[in-house]
Amino acid sequence: MAIGFSIEVGDQPFYTDGPSYWDGGYEWVWIPGHRGKHHDEWIHGHYARHGKFQREHAKEHHQHHDQR
């Protein structure tokens, strides 16, 4: 049995701002592209907020380098 694999045109299989960064007190981490819950859609790689607010990082503001 063969297994198929495809990457949608326009998908970004890598991060542009490192594996994580801080912005406004929150850490943002890279989530790689993956299949949706029902396997009928492709979720492109993106950054997502992770964890609780951290006061020591509240004044950090990140400039995104997204090339889309």
C-alpha atoms as a PDB file:
ATOM      1  CA  MET A   1       0.000   0.000   0.000  1.00  0.00           C
ATOM      2  CA  ALA A   2       1.429   3.379  -1.000  1.00  0.00           C
ATOM      3  CA  ILE A   3       1.271   6.392   1.263  1.00  0.00           C
ATOM      4  CA  GLY A   4       0.659   9.780  -0.342  1.00  0.00           C
ATOM      5  CA  PHE A   5       2.097  13.074   0.812  1.00  0.00           C
ATOM      6  CA  SER A   6       1.624  16.531  -0.669  1.00  0.00           C
ATOM      7  CA  ILE A   7       2.483  20.102   0.216  1.00  0.00           C
ATOM      8  CA  GLU A   8       0.048  22.777  -0.846  1.00  0.00           C
ATOM      9  CA  VAL A   9       1.413  25.551  -3.039  1.00  0.00           C
ATOM     10  CA  GLY A  10       2.062  28.588  -0.861  1.00  0.00           C
ATOM     11  CA  ASP A  11       2.655  26.613   2.323  1.00  0.00           C
ATOM     12  CA  GLN A  12       5.521  27.815   4.461  1.00  0.00           C
ATOM     13  CA  PRO A  13       7.234  24.749   5.950  1.00  0.00           C
ATOM     14  CA  PHE A  14       9.592  26.854   8.061  1.00  0.00           C
ATOM     15  CA  TYR A  15       9.505  29.786  10.448  1.00  0.00           C
ATOM     16  CA  THR A  16      10.878  33.254   9.629  1.00  0.00           C
ATOM     17  CA  ASP A  17      11.163  34.658  13.161  1.00  0.00           C
ATOM     18  CA  GLY A  18      12.845  31.728  14.921  1.00  0.00           C
ATOM     19  CA  PRO A  19      11.156  28.919  16.857  1.00  0.00           C
ATOM     20  CA  SER A  20       9.647  31.427  19.316  1.00  0.00           C
ATOM     21  CA  TYR A  21       9.622  35.090  20.275  1.00  0.00           C
ATOM     22  CA  TRP A  22       8.129  37.399  22.923  1.00  0.00           C
ATOM     23  CA  ASP A  23       5.593  40.119  22.180  1.00  0.00           C
ATOM     24  CA  GLY A  24       3.576  42.163  24.663  1.00  0.00           C
ATOM     25  CA  GLY A  25       4.235  39.769  27.534  1.00  0.00           C
ATOM     26  CA  TYR A  26       3.310  36.575  25.675  1.00  0.00           C
ATOM     27  CA  GLU A  27       5.491  33.945  24.061  1.00  0.00           C
ATOM     28  CA  TRP A  28       4.651  33.043  20.458  1.00  0.00           C
ATOM     29  CA  VAL A  29       5.788  29.636  19.182  1.00  0.00           C
ATOM     30  CA  TRP A  30       5.967  28.195  15.657  1.00  0.00           C
ATOM     31  CA  ILE A  31       3.359  25.552  14.816  1.00  0.00           C
ATOM     32  CA  PRO A  32       4.378  23.637  11.646  1.00  0.00           C
ATOM     33  CA  GLY A  33       1.887  23.011   8.850  1.00  0.00           C
ATOM     34  CA  HIS A  34      -0.418  20.045   9.513  1.00  0.00           C
ATOM     35  CA  ARG A  35      -3.683  18.385   8.564  1.00  0.00           C
ATOM     36  CA  GLY A  36      -6.858  19.691  10.197  1.00  0.00           C
ATOM     37  CA  LYS A  37      -8.843  17.686  12.752  1.00  0.00           C
ATOM     38  CA  HIS A  38     -10.908  15.970  10.066  1.00  0.00           C
ATOM     39  CA  HIS A  39      -7.958  15.508   7.660  1.00  0.00           C
ATOM     40  CA  ASP A  40      -9.783  17.384   4.886  1.00  0.00           C
ATOM     41  CA  GLU A  41      -7.856  20.652   5.133  1.00  0.00           C
ATOM     42  CA  TRP A  42      -4.238  21.785   5.386  1.00  0.00           C
ATOM     43  CA  ILE A  43      -3.389  24.231   8.176  1.00  0.00           C
ATOM     44  CA  HIS A  44      -0.420  26.349   7.118  1.00  0.00           C
ATOM     45  CA  GLY A  45       2.498  26.808   9.503  1.00  0.00           C
ATOM     46  CA  HIS A  46       1.981  29.808  11.790  1.00  0.00           C
ATOM     47  CA  TYR A  47       2.899  31.355  15.132  1.00  0.00           C
ATOM     48  CA  ALA A  48       0.506  30.861  18.055  1.00  0.00           C
ATOM     49  CA  ARG A  49       0.442  32.416  21.518  1.00  0.00           C
ATOM     50  CA  HIS A  50       1.699  30.020  24.179  1.00  0.00           C
ATOM     51  CA  GLY A  51       1.399  30.157  27.945  1.00  0.00           C
ATOM     52  CA  LYS A  52       0.413  32.899  30.347  1.00  0.00           C
ATOM     53  CA  PHE A  53       1.265  36.591  30.410  1.00  0.00           C
ATOM     54  CA  GLN A  54       4.808  37.217  31.689  1.00  0.00           C
ATOM     55  CA  ARG A  55       5.251  40.692  33.166  1.00  0.00           C
ATOM     56  CA  GLU A  56       9.037  40.695  32.581  1.00  0.00           C
ATOM     57  CA  HIS A  57       8.402  40.524  28.809  1.00  0.00           C
ATOM     58  CA  ALA A  58       5.506  43.018  28.720  1.00  0.00           C
ATOM     59  CA  LYS A  59       7.495  45.793  27.029  1.00  0.00           C
ATOM     60  CA  GLU A  60       8.963  43.577  24.304  1.00  0.00           C
ATOM     61  CA  HIS A  61       7.418  44.109  20.880  1.00  0.00           C
ATOM     62  CA  HIS A  62       8.354  41.939  17.961  1.00  0.00           C
ATOM     63  CA  GLN A  63       8.452  43.075  14.313  1.00  0.00           C
ATOM     64  CA  HIS A  64       7.289  40.221  12.122  1.00  0.00           C
ATOM     65  CA  HIS A  65       9.306  39.158   9.116  1.00  0.00           C
ATOM     66  CA  ASP A  66       6.484  37.268   7.414  1.00  0.00           C
ATOM     67  CA  GLN A  67       7.156  37.097   3.702  1.00  0.00           C
ATOM     68  CA  ARG A  68       3.673  36.100   2.521  1.00  0.00           C
END
